[in-house]
C-alpha cells in the first residue's frame, strides 16, 4: 500500500474509534434526566 493509502486508512480507523468512544456514550448520557444526573454527582 502506498503512503497515501496508509494515511487514509489510519484516518478512517481513528475517525471510527472517535465515533464509537465519543458519540455513543454521549447519546446515552443525553437520555438521562438532568436533575437525576446531578443528584448522583
N, C-alpha and C. Protein backbone atom coordinates (compact mmCIF):
# COMPACT_ATOMS: atom_id res chain seq x y z
N UNK A 1 0.85 -1.18 0.00
CA UNK A 1 0.00 0.00 0.00
C UNK A 1 0.89 1.24 0.00
N UNK A 2 0.44 2.24 -0.68
CA UNK A 2 1.22 3.48 -0.74
C UNK A 2 1.10 4.26 0.56
N UNK A 3 1.93 5.24 0.71
CA UNK A 3 1.90 6.08 1.90
C UNK A 3 0.56 6.80 2.02
N UNK A 4 0.01 7.22 0.89
CA UNK A 4 -1.30 7.89 0.90
C UNK A 4 -2.38 6.93 1.36
N UNK A 5 -2.32 5.69 0.90
CA UNK A 5 -3.30 4.69 1.31
C UNK A 5 -3.24 4.41 2.80
N UNK A 6 -2.05 4.35 3.33
CA UNK A 6 -1.88 4.13 4.77
C UNK A 6 -2.44 5.31 5.54
N UNK A 7 -2.19 6.51 5.07
CA UNK A 7 -2.71 7.70 5.74
C UNK A 7 -4.23 7.72 5.73
N UNK A 8 -4.84 7.37 4.61
CA UNK A 8 -6.30 7.36 4.51
C UNK A 8 -6.88 6.30 5.43
N UNK A 9 -6.30 5.10 5.43
CA UNK A 9 -6.80 4.04 6.30
C UNK A 9 -6.65 4.41 7.77
N UNK A 10 -5.57 5.05 8.13
CA UNK A 10 -5.37 5.49 9.51
C UNK A 10 -6.41 6.52 9.91
N UNK A 11 -6.71 7.44 9.01
CA UNK A 11 -7.71 8.46 9.30
C UNK A 11 -9.09 7.84 9.48
N UNK A 12 -9.46 6.93 8.59
CA UNK A 12 -10.77 6.27 8.67
C UNK A 12 -10.87 5.47 9.96
N UNK A 13 -9.84 4.75 10.32
CA UNK A 13 -9.85 3.95 11.54
C UNK A 13 -9.96 4.83 12.77
N UNK A 14 -9.20 5.91 12.83
CA UNK A 14 -9.25 6.78 14.00
C UNK A 14 -10.58 7.53 14.07
N UNK A 15 -11.18 7.86 12.95
CA UNK A 15 -12.49 8.51 12.96
C UNK A 15 -13.55 7.55 13.49
N UNK A 16 -13.48 6.28 13.09
CA UNK A 16 -14.43 5.29 13.58
C UNK A 16 -14.28 5.09 15.08
N UNK A 17 -13.07 5.04 15.58
CA UNK A 17 -12.83 4.91 17.01
C UNK A 17 -13.39 6.12 17.75
N UNK A 18 -13.20 7.30 17.18
CA UNK A 18 -13.73 8.52 17.79
C UNK A 18 -15.24 8.51 17.89
N UNK A 19 -15.90 7.99 16.86
CA UNK A 19 -17.36 7.91 16.88
C UNK A 19 -17.83 6.94 17.95
N UNK A 20 -17.20 5.78 18.01
CA UNK A 20 -17.63 4.76 18.97
C UNK A 20 -17.42 5.24 20.40
N UNK A 21 -16.26 5.80 20.70
CA UNK A 21 -15.95 6.18 22.08
C UNK A 21 -16.40 7.60 22.43
N UNK A 22 -16.96 8.32 21.49
CA UNK A 22 -17.44 9.67 21.76
C UNK A 22 -18.94 9.82 21.60
N UNK A 23 -19.45 9.41 20.46
CA UNK A 23 -20.86 9.64 20.15
C UNK A 23 -21.78 8.76 20.98
N UNK A 24 -21.51 7.48 21.02
CA UNK A 24 -22.44 6.57 21.69
C UNK A 24 -22.56 6.83 23.19
N UNK A 25 -21.48 7.03 23.94
CA UNK A 25 -21.65 7.38 25.36
C UNK A 25 -22.35 8.72 25.55
N UNK A 26 -22.08 9.68 24.68
CA UNK A 26 -22.74 10.98 24.79
C UNK A 26 -24.23 10.85 24.53
N UNK A 27 -24.59 10.02 23.58
CA UNK A 27 -26.01 9.80 23.28
C UNK A 27 -26.70 9.14 24.47
N UNK A 28 -26.03 8.19 25.09
CA UNK A 28 -26.60 7.51 26.25
C UNK A 28 -26.79 8.48 27.42
N UNK A 29 -25.82 9.34 27.65
CA UNK A 29 -25.91 10.32 28.74
C UNK A 29 -26.97 11.37 28.45
N UNK A 30 -27.20 11.68 27.20
CA UNK A 30 -28.20 12.68 26.84
C UNK A 30 -29.61 12.20 27.18
N UNK A 31 -29.79 10.91 27.29
CA UNK A 31 -31.10 10.37 27.63
C UNK A 31 -31.43 10.52 29.11
N UNK A 32 -30.42 10.75 29.95
CA UNK A 32 -30.65 10.86 31.38
C UNK A 32 -31.35 12.16 31.73
N UNK A 33 -32.11 12.12 32.78
CA UNK A 33 -32.73 13.32 33.31
C UNK A 33 -31.65 14.18 33.96
N UNK A 34 -31.66 15.46 33.70
CA UNK A 34 -30.60 16.35 34.18
C UNK A 34 -30.56 16.37 35.71
N UNK A 35 -31.69 16.48 36.35
CA UNK A 35 -31.73 16.53 37.82
C UNK A 35 -31.21 15.22 38.41
N UNK A 36 -31.60 14.11 37.82
CA UNK A 36 -31.15 12.81 38.32
C UNK A 36 -29.63 12.67 38.16
N UNK A 37 -29.09 13.14 37.06
CA UNK A 37 -27.65 13.06 36.84
C UNK A 37 -26.90 13.93 37.84
N UNK A 38 -27.40 15.11 38.13
CA UNK A 38 -26.73 15.99 39.08
C UNK A 38 -26.85 15.48 40.51
N UNK A 39 -27.92 14.79 40.81
CA UNK A 39 -28.13 14.26 42.15
C UNK A 39 -27.06 13.23 42.50
N UNK A 40 -26.63 12.43 41.54
CA UNK A 40 -25.65 11.38 41.79
C UNK A 40 -24.22 11.88 41.70
N UNK A 41 -24.02 13.13 41.40
CA UNK A 41 -22.68 13.66 41.24
C UNK A 41 -22.07 14.02 42.57
